[in-house]
C-alpha atoms as a PDB file:
ATOM      1  CA  MET A   1     202.830  12.038 169.800  1.00  0.00           C
ATOM      2  CA  SER A   2     200.645  14.875 168.486  1.00  0.00           C
ATOM      3  CA  ASP A   3     197.681  14.225 166.192  1.00  0.00           C
ATOM      4  CA  VAL A   4     199.429  15.859 163.240  1.00  0.00           C
ATOM      5  CA  ASN A   5     202.492  13.647 163.694  1.00  0.00           C
ATOM      6  CA  LYS A   6     200.248  10.577 163.873  1.00  0.00           C
ATOM      7  CA  THR A   7     198.623  11.658 160.604  1.00  0.00           C
ATOM      8  CA  ILE A   8     202.011  12.099 158.921  1.00  0.00           C
ATOM      9  CA  GLN A   9     203.092   8.701 160.249  1.00  0.00           C
ATOM     10  CA  LYS A  10     199.966   7.093 158.717  1.00  0.00           C
ATOM     11  CA  TRP A  11     200.629   8.799 155.380  1.00  0.00           C
ATOM     12  CA  HIS A  12     204.217   7.589 155.426  1.00  0.00           C
ATOM     13  CA  ALA A  13     203.150   4.016 156.235  1.00  0.00           C
ATOM     14  CA  SER A  14     200.621   4.118 153.383  1.00  0.00           C
ATOM     15  CA  PHE A  15     203.274   5.497 151.012  1.00  0.00           C
ATOM     16  CA  ARG A  16     205.719   2.718 151.964  1.00  0.00           C
ATOM     17  CA  LYS A  17     202.993   0.104 151.573  1.00  0.00           C
ATOM     18  CA  GLY A  18     202.215   1.369 148.072  1.00  0.00           C
ATOM     19  CA  THR A  19     205.845   1.515 146.924  1.00  0.00           C
ATOM     20  CA  ASP A  20     206.481  -1.955 148.400  1.00  0.00           C
ATOM     21  CA  PHE A  21     203.549  -3.396 146.430  1.00  0.00           C
ATOM     22  CA  ASP A  22     204.851  -1.535 143.378  1.00  0.00           C
ATOM     23  CA  SER A  23     208.373  -2.952 143.682  1.00  0.00           C
ATOM     24  CA  TRP A  24     206.984  -6.480 144.221  1.00  0.00           C
ATOM     25  CA  GLY A  25     204.944  -6.253 141.025  1.00  0.00           C
ATOM     26  CA  GLN A  26     201.584  -6.280 142.870  1.00  0.00           C
ATOM     27  CA  LEU A  27     200.246  -3.535 140.638  1.00  0.00           C
ATOM     28  CA  VAL A  28     196.538  -3.658 141.532  1.00  0.00           C
ATOM     29  CA  GLU A  29     197.346  -3.340 145.247  1.00  0.00           C
ATOM     30  CA  ALA A  30     199.866  -0.551 144.564  1.00  0.00           C
ATOM     31  CA  ILE A  31     197.320   1.404 142.501  1.00  0.00           C
ATOM     32  CA  ASP A  32     194.745   1.080 145.297  1.00  0.00           C
ATOM     33  CA  GLU A  33     197.190   2.302 147.943  1.00  0.00           C
ATOM     34  CA  TYR A  34     198.401   5.229 145.830  1.00  0.00           C
ATOM     35  CA  GLN A  35     194.862   6.380 145.058  1.00  0.00           C
ATOM     36  CA  ILE A  36     193.657   6.087 148.647  1.00  0.00           C
ATOM     37  CA  LEU A  37     196.648   8.093 149.896  1.00  0.00           C
ATOM     38  CA  ALA A  38     196.192  10.705 147.141  1.00  0.00           C
ATOM     39  CA  ARG A  39     192.576  11.155 148.242  1.00  0.00           C
ATOM     40  CA  GLN A  40     193.601  11.515 151.911  1.00  0.00           C
ATOM     41  CA  LEU A  41     196.166  14.170 151.004  1.00  0.00           C
ATOM     42  CA  GLN A  42     193.635  15.971 148.833  1.00  0.00           C
ATOM     43  CA  LYS A  43     191.137  16.065 151.703  1.00  0.00           C
ATOM     44  CA  GLU A  44     193.776  17.639 153.944  1.00  0.00           C
ATOM     45  CA  VAL A  45     194.611  20.206 151.271  1.00  0.00           C
ATOM     46  CA  GLN A  46     190.946  21.154 150.989  1.00  0.00           C
ATOM     47  CA  SER A  47     190.252  21.227 154.725  1.00  0.00           C
ATOM     48  CA  THR A  48     189.322  24.715 155.902  1.00  0.00           C
ATOM     49  CA  ASN A  49     189.190  23.744 159.586  1.00  0.00           C
ATOM     50  CA  SER A  50     192.729  22.431 159.847  1.00  0.00           C
ATOM     51  CA  SER A  51     195.562  24.716 160.944  1.00  0.00           C
ATOM     52  CA  ASP A  52     198.059  21.841 161.128  1.00  0.00           C
ATOM     53  CA  PHE A  53     199.675  22.758 157.810  1.00  0.00           C
ATOM     54  CA  THR A  54     200.613  26.065 156.198  1.00  0.00           C
ATOM     55  CA  GLU A  55     199.335  26.965 152.732  1.00  0.00           C
ATOM     56  CA  GLU A  56     202.780  26.188 151.311  1.00  0.00           C
ATOM     57  CA  GLN A  57     202.794  22.770 152.983  1.00  0.00           C
ATOM     58  CA  LYS A  58     199.299  22.074 151.634  1.00  0.00           C
ATOM     59  CA  LYS A  59     200.533  22.971 148.157  1.00  0.00           C
ATOM     60  CA  THR A  60     203.334  20.416 148.580  1.00  0.00           C
ATOM     61  CA  LEU A  61     200.836  17.777 149.754  1.00  0.00           C
ATOM     62  CA  GLY A  62     198.740  18.527 146.665  1.00  0.00           C
ATOM     63  CA  LYS A  63     201.777  17.997 144.437  1.00  0.00           C
ATOM     64  CA  ILE A  64     202.528  14.679 146.160  1.00  0.00           C
ATOM     65  CA  ALA A  65     198.910  13.649 145.461  1.00  0.00           C
ATOM     66  CA  SER A  66     199.473  14.542 141.784  1.00  0.00           C
ATOM     67  CA  CYS A  67     202.603  12.365 141.656  1.00  0.00           C
ATOM     68  CA  LEU A  68     200.741   9.450 143.262  1.00  0.00           C
ATOM     69  CA  GLU A  69     198.017   9.735 140.632  1.00  0.00           C
ATOM     70  CA  MET A  70     200.624   9.959 137.860  1.00  0.00           C
ATOM     71  CA  ARG A  71     202.364   6.796 139.076  1.00  0.00           C
ATOM     72  CA  SER A  72     198.986   5.089 139.390  1.00  0.00           C
ATOM     73  CA  GLY A  73     198.200   6.110 135.807  1.00  0.00           C
ATOM     74  CA  SER A  74     201.566   4.781 134.594  1.00  0.00           C
ATOM     75  CA  LEU A  75     200.859   1.380 136.166  1.00  0.00           C
ATOM     76  CA  GLN A  76     197.428   1.169 134.565  1.00  0.00           C
ATOM     77  CA  CYS A  77     198.481   2.243 131.090  1.00  0.00           C
ATOM     78  CA  THR A  78     201.770   0.773 129.928  1.00  0.00           C
ATOM     79  CA  GLN A  79     201.582   2.874 126.750  1.00  0.00           C
ATOM     80  CA  SER A  80     201.370   6.122 128.731  1.00  0.00           C
ATOM     81  CA  LYS A  81     203.534   8.903 127.309  1.00  0.00           C
ATOM     82  CA  GLU A  82     203.793  10.523 130.738  1.00  0.00           C
ATOM     83  CA  ASP A  83     205.497   7.597 132.442  1.00  0.00           C
ATOM     84  CA  PHE A  84     206.209   8.360 136.105  1.00  0.00           C
ATOM     85  CA  LYS A  85     208.722   5.867 137.467  1.00  0.00           C
ATOM     86  CA  LEU A  86     208.819   4.212 140.884  1.00  0.00           C
ATOM     87  CA  GLU A  87     212.349   5.538 141.461  1.00  0.00           C
ATOM     88  CA  GLU A  88     211.021   9.076 140.983  1.00  0.00           C
ATOM     89  CA  LEU A  89     208.117   8.514 143.346  1.00  0.00           C
ATOM     90  CA  LYS A  90     210.432   7.191 146.060  1.00  0.00           C
ATOM     91  CA  LYS A  91     212.149  10.599 146.147  1.00  0.00           C
ATOM     92  CA  LEU A  92     208.986  11.934 147.805  1.00  0.00           C
ATOM     93  CA  GLU A  93     209.257   9.683 150.862  1.00  0.00           C
ATOM     94  CA  THR A  94     211.483  12.050 152.831  1.00  0.00           C
ATOM     95  CA  ILE A  95     209.222  14.979 151.896  1.00  0.00           C
ATOM     96  CA  ILE A  96     206.186  13.214 153.404  1.00  0.00           C
ATOM     97  CA  GLN A  97     208.161  12.304 156.524  1.00  0.00           C
ATOM     98  CA  ASN A  98     209.444  15.861 156.961  1.00  0.00           C
ATOM     99  CA  ILE A  99     206.502  17.840 155.587  1.00  0.00           C
ATOM    100  CA  LEU A 100     206.447  20.137 158.650  1.00  0.00           C
ATOM    101  CA  THR A 101     210.055  21.253 158.090  1.00  0.00           C
ATOM    102  CA  TYR A 102     210.523  20.720 154.335  1.00  0.00           C
ATOM    103  CA  ASN A 103     211.466  24.027 152.683  1.00  0.00           C
ATOM    104  CA  LYS A 104     213.189  23.078 149.418  1.00  0.00           C
ATOM    105  CA  ALA A 105     211.866  23.261 145.874  1.00  0.00           C
ATOM    106  CA  PHE A 106     209.600  20.365 144.894  1.00  0.00           C
ATOM    107  CA  PRO A 107     211.655  17.888 142.803  1.00  0.00           C
ATOM    108  CA  PHE A 108     209.110  17.603 139.973  1.00  0.00           C
ATOM    109  CA  ASP A 109     207.341  20.187 137.847  1.00  0.00           C
ATOM    110  CA  VAL A 110     203.760  19.216 138.678  1.00  0.00           C
ATOM    111  CA  GLN A 111     200.643  21.060 139.742  1.00  0.00           C
ATOM    112  CA  PRO A 112     198.598  20.116 142.827  1.00  0.00           C
ATOM    113  CA  VAL A 113     195.514  17.962 142.210  1.00  0.00           C
ATOM    114  CA  PRO A 114     192.674  20.368 141.238  1.00  0.00           C
ATOM    115  CA  LEU A 115     190.641  21.381 144.261  1.00  0.00           C
ATOM    116  CA  ARG A 116     187.095  20.131 144.612  1.00  0.00           C
ATOM    117  CA  ARG A 117     184.840  20.128 147.597  1.00  0.00           C
ATOM    118  CA  ILE A 118     184.490  16.651 149.068  1.00  0.00           C
ATOM    119  CA  LEU A 119     181.374  16.131 151.170  1.00  0.00           C
ATOM    120  CA  ALA A 120     181.016  13.191 153.493  1.00  0.00           C
ATOM    121  CA  PRO A 121     178.013  10.945 152.718  1.00  0.00           C
ATOM    122  CA  GLY A 122     174.897  12.756 153.900  1.00  0.00           C
ATOM    123  CA  GLU A 123     176.774  15.963 154.756  1.00  0.00           C
ATOM    124  CA  GLU A 124     174.862  17.921 152.150  1.00  0.00           C
ATOM    125  CA  GLU A 125     171.670  17.015 154.040  1.00  0.00           C
ATOM    126  CA  HIS A 126     172.642  19.636 156.601  1.00  0.00           C
ATOM    127  CA  LEU A 127     173.493  22.228 153.992  1.00  0.00           C
ATOM    128  CA  GLU A 128     170.419  22.262 151.820  1.00  0.00           C
ATOM    129  CA  LEU A 129     166.879  21.009 151.433  1.00  0.00           C
ATOM    130  CA  GLU A 130     166.331  19.300 148.098  1.00  0.00           C
ATOM    131  CA  GLU A 131     163.403  20.733 146.172  1.00  0.00           C
ATOM    132  CA  GLU A 132     161.716  17.456 145.343  1.00  0.00           C
ATOM    133  CA  ASP A 133     158.920  19.096 143.401  1.00  0.00           C
ATOM    134  CA  ALA A 134     161.035  21.327 141.167  1.00  0.00           C
ATOM    135  CA  ALA A 135     159.444  21.961 137.818  1.00  0.00           C
ATOM    136  CA  ALA A 136     160.243  19.422 135.131  1.00  0.00           C
ATOM    137  CA  GLY A 137     162.803  20.577 132.586  1.00  0.00           C
ATOM    138  CA  ALA A 138     161.875  21.868 129.177  1.00  0.00           C
ATOM    139  CA  GLY A 139     162.074  19.373 126.364  1.00  0.00           C
ATOM    140  CA  SER A 140     164.979  20.993 124.561  1.00  0.00           C
ATOM    141  CA  THR A 141     168.248  19.165 123.929  1.00  0.00           C
ATOM    142  CA  GLU A 142     171.154  21.098 125.403  1.00  0.00           C
ATOM    143  CA  ALA A 143     174.856  20.527 125.963  1.00  0.00           C
ATOM    144  CA  PHE A 144     176.227  21.168 129.454  1.00  0.00           C
ATOM    145  CA  PRO A 145     179.056  23.691 129.804  1.00  0.00           C
ATOM    146  CA  PRO A 146     182.187  22.052 131.292  1.00  0.00           C
ATOM    147  CA  ARG A 147     182.291  24.287 134.362  1.00  0.00           C
ATOM    148  CA  ALA A 148     182.070  22.117 137.471  1.00  0.00           C
ATOM    149  CA  PRO A 149     185.251  20.895 139.189  1.00  0.00           C
ATOM    150  CA  ALA A 150     184.333  17.354 138.143  1.00  0.00           C
ATOM    151  CA  SER A 151     183.784  18.301 134.486  1.00  0.00           C
ATOM    152  CA  GLN A 152     186.645  16.111 133.234  1.00  0.00           C
ATOM    153  CA  GLY A 153     185.919  13.244 135.611  1.00  0.00           C
ATOM    154  CA  THR A 154     188.325  10.881 137.348  1.00  0.00           C
ATOM    155  CA  LEU A 155     187.635   7.682 135.415  1.00  0.00           C
ATOM    156  CA  LEU A 156     190.367   5.051 135.432  1.00  0.00           C
ATOM    157  CA  PRO A 157     191.491   2.849 132.533  1.00  0.00           C
ATOM    158  CA  ARG A 158     190.675  -0.845 132.467  1.00  0.00           C
ATOM    159  CA  LEU A 159     192.866  -3.049 134.655  1.00  0.00           C
ATOM    160  CA  PRO A 160     195.424  -5.330 132.993  1.00  0.00           C
ATOM    161  CA  SER A 161     193.841  -8.654 132.046  1.00  0.00           C
ATOM    162  CA  GLU A 162     194.661 -11.786 134.039  1.00  0.00           C
ATOM    163  CA  HIS A 163     194.333 -15.360 132.830  1.00  0.00           C
ATOM    164  CA  GLY A 164     190.929 -16.812 133.690  1.00  0.00           C
ATOM    165  CA  MET A 165     189.710 -13.541 135.227  1.00  0.00           C
ATOM    166  CA  THR A 166     186.772 -11.350 134.174  1.00  0.00           C
ATOM    167  CA  LEU A 167     186.634  -7.556 133.996  1.00  0.00           C
ATOM    168  CA  LEU A 168     183.420  -5.523 133.933  1.00  0.00           C
ATOM    169  CA  THR A 169     182.783  -2.353 131.928  1.00  0.00           C
ATOM    170  CA  LEU A 170     179.566  -0.477 132.684  1.00  0.00           C
ATOM    171  CA  LYS A 171     178.271   2.026 130.153  1.00  0.00           C
ATOM    172  CA  ILE A 172     176.150   4.627 131.935  1.00  0.00           C
ATOM    173  CA  GLU A 173     173.696   5.474 129.190  1.00  0.00           C
ATOM    174  CA  LYS A 174     171.138   7.797 130.814  1.00  0.00           C
ATOM    175  CA  ILE A 175     169.178   8.589 133.958  1.00  0.00           C
ATOM    176  CA  GLY A 176     165.499   9.499 134.085  1.00  0.00           C
ATOM    177  CA  LEU A 177     164.509  12.422 136.353  1.00  0.00           C
ATOM    178  CA  LYS A 178     161.341  14.502 136.368  1.00  0.00           C
ATOM    179  CA  ASP A 179     163.396  17.703 136.747  1.00  0.00           C
ATOM    180  CA  ALA A 180     166.270  16.717 134.448  1.00  0.00           C
ATOM    181  CA  GLY A 181     166.278  20.167 132.853  1.00  0.00           C
ATOM    182  CA  GLN A 182     166.982  21.831 136.221  1.00  0.00           C
ATOM    183  CA  CYS A 183     170.221  19.952 136.944  1.00  0.00           C
ATOM    184  CA  ILE A 184     173.451  21.922 136.505  1.00  0.00           C
ATOM    185  CA  ASP A 185     176.726  20.149 135.643  1.00  0.00           C
ATOM    186  CA  PRO A 186     175.437  16.677 136.530  1.00  0.00           C
ATOM    187  CA  TYR A 187     177.819  13.766 136.895  1.00  0.00           C
ATOM    188  CA  MET A 188     177.885  10.322 138.469  1.00  0.00           C
ATOM    189  CA  THR A 189     180.149   9.003 141.232  1.00  0.00           C
ATOM    190  CA  VAL A 190     180.682   5.254 140.857  1.00  0.00           C
ATOM    191  CA  SER A 191     182.006   3.124 143.706  1.00  0.00           C
ATOM    192  CA  LEU A 192     182.276  -0.499 144.749  1.00  0.00           C
ATOM    193  CA  LYS A 193     181.289  -0.968 148.399  1.00  0.00           C
ATOM    194  CA  ASP A 194     181.562  -4.046 150.566  1.00  0.00           C
ATOM    195  CA  LEU A 195     178.796  -5.329 152.850  1.00  0.00           C
ATOM    196  CA  ASN A 196     179.779  -2.757 155.499  1.00  0.00           C
ATOM    197  CA  GLY A 197     179.565   0.129 153.044  1.00  0.00           C
ATOM    198  CA  LEU A 198     183.342   0.583 152.801  1.00  0.00           C
ATOM    199  CA  ASP A 199     185.189   1.339 149.561  1.00  0.00           C
ATOM    200  CA  VAL A 200     186.778  -1.684 147.913  1.00  0.00           C
ATOM    201  CA  TYR A 201     188.820   0.758 145.787  1.00  0.00           C
ATOM    202  CA  PRO A 202     188.803   4.571 145.344  1.00  0.00           C
ATOM    203  CA  VAL A 203     185.668   6.075 143.789  1.00  0.00           C
ATOM    204  CA  GLN A 204     185.467   7.289 140.186  1.00  0.00           C
ATOM    205  CA  ASP A 205     183.620  10.343 138.873  1.00  0.00           C
ATOM    206  CA  THR A 206     182.273  10.511 135.339  1.00  0.00           C
ATOM    207  CA  PRO A 207     182.738  13.662 133.279  1.00  0.00           C
ATOM    208  CA  VAL A 208     179.804  16.076 133.314  1.00  0.00           C
ATOM    209  CA  ALA A 209     176.886  14.590 131.343  1.00  0.00           C
ATOM    210  CA  SER A 210     176.866  15.150 127.599  1.00  0.00           C
ATOM    211  CA  ARG A 211     173.281  16.382 127.140  1.00  0.00           C
ATOM    212  CA  LYS A 212     169.769  16.506 128.561  1.00  0.00           C
ATOM    213  CA  GLU A 213     166.582  15.729 126.705  1.00  0.00           C
ATOM    214  CA  ASP A 214     163.043  15.786 128.119  1.00  0.00           C
ATOM    215  CA  THR A 215     163.180  13.800 131.377  1.00  0.00           C
ATOM    216  CA  TYR A 216     166.564  12.208 130.622  1.00  0.00           C
ATOM    217  CA  ILE A 217     170.164  13.171 131.245  1.00  0.00           C
ATOM    218  CA  HIS A 218     172.498  11.347 128.847  1.00  0.00           C
ATOM    219  CA  PHE A 219     175.999  10.241 129.857  1.00  0.00           C
ATOM    220  CA  SER A 220     177.021   7.572 127.304  1.00  0.00           C
ATOM    221  CA  VAL A 221     180.240   6.944 129.219  1.00  0.00           C
ATOM    222  CA  ASP A 222     182.124   3.721 130.019  1.00  0.00           C
ATOM    223  CA  VAL A 223     183.220   3.030 133.597  1.00  0.00           C
ATOM    224  CA  ASP A 224     185.722   0.216 134.161  1.00  0.00           C
ATOM    225  CA  ILE A 225     185.228  -1.503 137.510  1.00  0.00           C
ATOM    226  CA  GLN A 226     188.634  -1.678 139.197  1.00  0.00           C
ATOM    227  CA  ARG A 227     188.361  -5.258 140.441  1.00  0.00           C
ATOM    228  CA  HIS A 228     188.241  -8.553 138.623  1.00  0.00           C
ATOM    229  CA  VAL A 229     184.707  -9.900 139.046  1.00  0.00           C
ATOM    230  CA  GLU A 230     186.055 -13.053 140.701  1.00  0.00           C
ATOM    231  CA  LYS A 231     187.834 -10.926 143.343  1.00  0.00           C
ATOM    232  CA  ILE A 232     184.851  -8.771 144.320  1.00  0.00           C
ATOM    233  CA  PRO A 233     183.967  -9.403 148.003  1.00  0.00           C
ATOM    234  CA  LYS A 234     180.818 -11.391 148.706  1.00  0.00           C
ATOM    235  CA  GLY A 235     177.833  -9.125 149.326  1.00  0.00           C
ATOM    236  CA  ALA A 236     179.436  -6.090 147.648  1.00  0.00           C
ATOM    237  CA  ALA A 237     177.488  -3.704 145.404  1.00  0.00           C
ATOM    238  CA  ILE A 238     178.308  -1.096 142.768  1.00  0.00           C
ATOM    239  CA  PHE A 239     176.853   2.315 143.660  1.00  0.00           C
ATOM    240  CA  PHE A 240     175.932   5.164 141.339  1.00  0.00           C
ATOM    241  CA  GLU A 241     175.455   8.565 143.003  1.00  0.00           C
ATOM    242  CA  PHE A 242     173.898  11.240 140.809  1.00  0.00           C
ATOM    243  CA  LYS A 243     175.327  14.657 141.688  1.00  0.00           C
ATOM    244  CA  HIS A 244     174.686  18.173 140.460  1.00  0.00           C
ATOM    245  CA  TYR A 245     175.897  21.686 141.230  1.00  0.00           C
ATOM    246  CA  LYS A 246     173.901  24.056 143.467  1.00  0.00           C
ATOM    247  CA  PRO A 247     174.985  27.596 142.479  1.00  0.00           C
ATOM    248  CA  LYS A 248     173.156  29.320 145.344  1.00  0.00           C
ATOM    249  CA  LYS A 249     174.801  27.032 147.887  1.00  0.00           C
ATOM    250  CA  GLY A 250     178.158  26.865 146.120  1.00  0.00           C
ATOM    251  CA  PHE A 251     178.618  23.121 146.364  1.00  0.00           C
ATOM    252  CA  THR A 252     177.828  19.869 144.589  1.00  0.00           C
ATOM    253  CA  SER A 253     174.940  17.862 146.013  1.00  0.00           C
ATOM    254  CA  THR A 254     173.860  14.241 145.729  1.00  0.00           C
ATOM    255  CA  LYS A 255     170.325  14.112 144.342  1.00  0.00           C
ATOM    256  CA  CYS A 256     169.725  10.352 144.316  1.00  0.00           C
ATOM    257  CA  PHE A 257     171.520   7.031 144.010  1.00  0.00           C
ATOM    258  CA  ALA A 258     171.207   3.540 142.584  1.00  0.00           C
ATOM    259  CA  PHE A 259     173.092   0.310 143.092  1.00  0.00           C
ATOM    260  CA  MET A 260     173.710  -2.989 141.381  1.00  0.00           C
ATOM    261  CA  GLU A 261     174.383  -6.198 143.296  1.00  0.00           C
ATOM    262  CA  MET A 262     176.776  -8.896 142.174  1.00  0.00           C
ATOM    263  CA  ASP A 263     174.084 -11.367 141.077  1.00  0.00           C
ATOM    264  CA  GLU A 264     172.971  -8.752 138.535  1.00  0.00           C
ATOM    265  CA  ILE A 265     176.282  -8.869 136.661  1.00  0.00           C
ATOM    266  CA  LYS A 266     175.531 -10.259 133.205  1.00  0.00           C
ATOM    267  CA  PRO A 267     176.237  -8.994 129.677  1.00  0.00           C
ATOM    268  CA  GLY A 268     173.717  -6.639 128.106  1.00  0.00           C
ATOM    269  CA  PRO A 269     171.386  -3.814 129.179  1.00  0.00           C
ATOM    270  CA  ILE A 270     170.093  -3.375 132.734  1.00  0.00           C
ATOM    271  CA  VAL A 271     167.679  -0.830 134.214  1.00  0.00           C
ATOM    272  CA  ILE A 272     167.927  -0.115 137.960  1.00  0.00           C
ATOM    273  CA  GLU A 273     165.782   1.838 140.406  1.00  0.00           C
ATOM    274  CA  LEU A 274     166.638   5.220 141.913  1.00  0.00           C
ATOM    275  CA  TYR A 275     166.591   5.877 145.658  1.00  0.00           C
ATOM    276  CA  LYS A 276     166.319   9.002 147.794  1.00  0.00           C
ATOM    277  CA  LYS A 277     169.437  10.441 149.393  1.00  0.00           C
ATOM    278  CA  PRO A 278     171.392  10.247 151.632  1.00  0.00           C
ATOM    279  CA  THR A 279     173.209   7.355 149.997  1.00  0.00           C
ATOM    280  CA  ASP A 280     172.729   4.235 152.095  1.00  0.00           C
ATOM    281  CA  PHE A 281     175.840   2.195 151.349  1.00  0.00           C
ATOM    282  CA  LYS A 282     174.720  -0.552 153.740  1.00  0.00           C
ATOM    283  CA  ARG A 283     171.377  -0.875 151.885  1.00  0.00           C
ATOM    284  CA  LYS A 284     169.341  -0.962 155.111  1.00  0.00           C
ATOM    285  CA  LYS A 285     166.850   1.929 154.760  1.00  0.00           C
ATOM    286  CA  LEU A 286     165.995   2.366 151.112  1.00  0.00           C
ATOM    287  CA  GLN A 287     163.322   4.756 149.840  1.00  0.00           C
ATOM    288  CA  LEU A 288     162.425   4.938 146.169  1.00  0.00           C
ATOM    289  CA  LEU A 289     162.971   8.391 144.669  1.00  0.00           C
ATOM    290  CA  THR A 290     159.723   8.375 142.721  1.00  0.00           C
ATOM    291  CA  LYS A 291     156.793   6.180 141.700  1.00  0.00           C
ATOM    292  CA  LYS A 292     157.232   7.338 138.116  1.00  0.00           C
ATOM    293  CA  GLN A 293     158.815   5.033 135.535  1.00  0.00           C
ATOM    294  CA  LEU A 294     162.219   6.728 135.775  1.00  0.00           C
ATOM    295  CA  TYR A 295     165.409   4.687 136.146  1.00  0.00           C
ATOM    296  CA  LEU A 296     169.159   4.497 135.610  1.00  0.00           C
ATOM    297  CA  HIS A 297     169.956   2.805 132.291  1.00  0.00           C
ATOM    298  CA  LEU A 298     173.217   0.843 132.023  1.00  0.00           C
ATOM    299  CA  HIS A 299     174.848  -1.604 129.629  1.00  0.00           C
ATOM    300  CA  GLN A 300     177.265  -4.261 130.871  1.00  0.00           C
ATOM    301  CA  THR A 301     180.224  -5.723 128.981  1.00  0.00           C
ATOM    302  CA  LEU A 302     182.295  -8.583 130.412  1.00  0.00           C
ATOM    303  CA  HIS A 303     185.905  -9.103 129.303  1.00  0.00           C
ATOM    304  CA  LYS A 304     187.293 -12.579 130.020  1.00  0.00           C
ATOM    305  CA  ASP A 305     190.922 -13.496 129.409  1.00  0.00           C
ATOM    306  CA  SER A 306     190.930 -17.207 128.724  1.00  0.00           C
END
């Protein structure tokens, strides 16, 4: 079996797994599977090295990714006006299976997931050299233009509550950086990683930050962690990767990162240290970004359904 057929087979298996979870009422697992598959399809659509699929086939894959995200959104928000039903999603199974020969009109009027460049952790290290000593930004307060691909973010709504279970909302208030004024279209990627550095669920991007002021970039945005606290794997950590756009290089780069371990989960404000890139999801070789008193400022809210 060729590599491309193996890939299609994996996608199909993932699709079936998601729809099975969905039909069994295991909504959290279904959402995870849909979002992971949507991300895999999006990566294929954006791949410039792959000649396995034609541009038309990539467009179809992008539309399938959109449908997966729509179904995921419907499961997370029961009041959603744009309800995308499981029966509708199942119509896409034969398209995934036969993507190499499928030549009919797509059954739903959707647009492919917006393109954005996805860099593997540390990949930007080979593409640019961070200017650590860039001049500090001017002290003016300024709104950021919503121009970057991530400007609207990919934040997910809070999970449905479960009896006796706790959900965590993290408000990202601000980040302190000596060159805050130099950062273009900054946003934060938030992920929950297990002890081996693997995603527990798909990552979330915040919208582009709301403003910058002196040595601070303000976000003031809530991020709902997509796992009940009691179900988070032992040794896991929540990561915050600060990213900004590099116009001369034409891509988005990770500038620094921070993380919060599970024993730090408690209601109220928390201030955490910033580390130099590349992001070390296994937390083995950590280097502080600066000796200055600059941190990531968060506020935690716990929601318990008793």
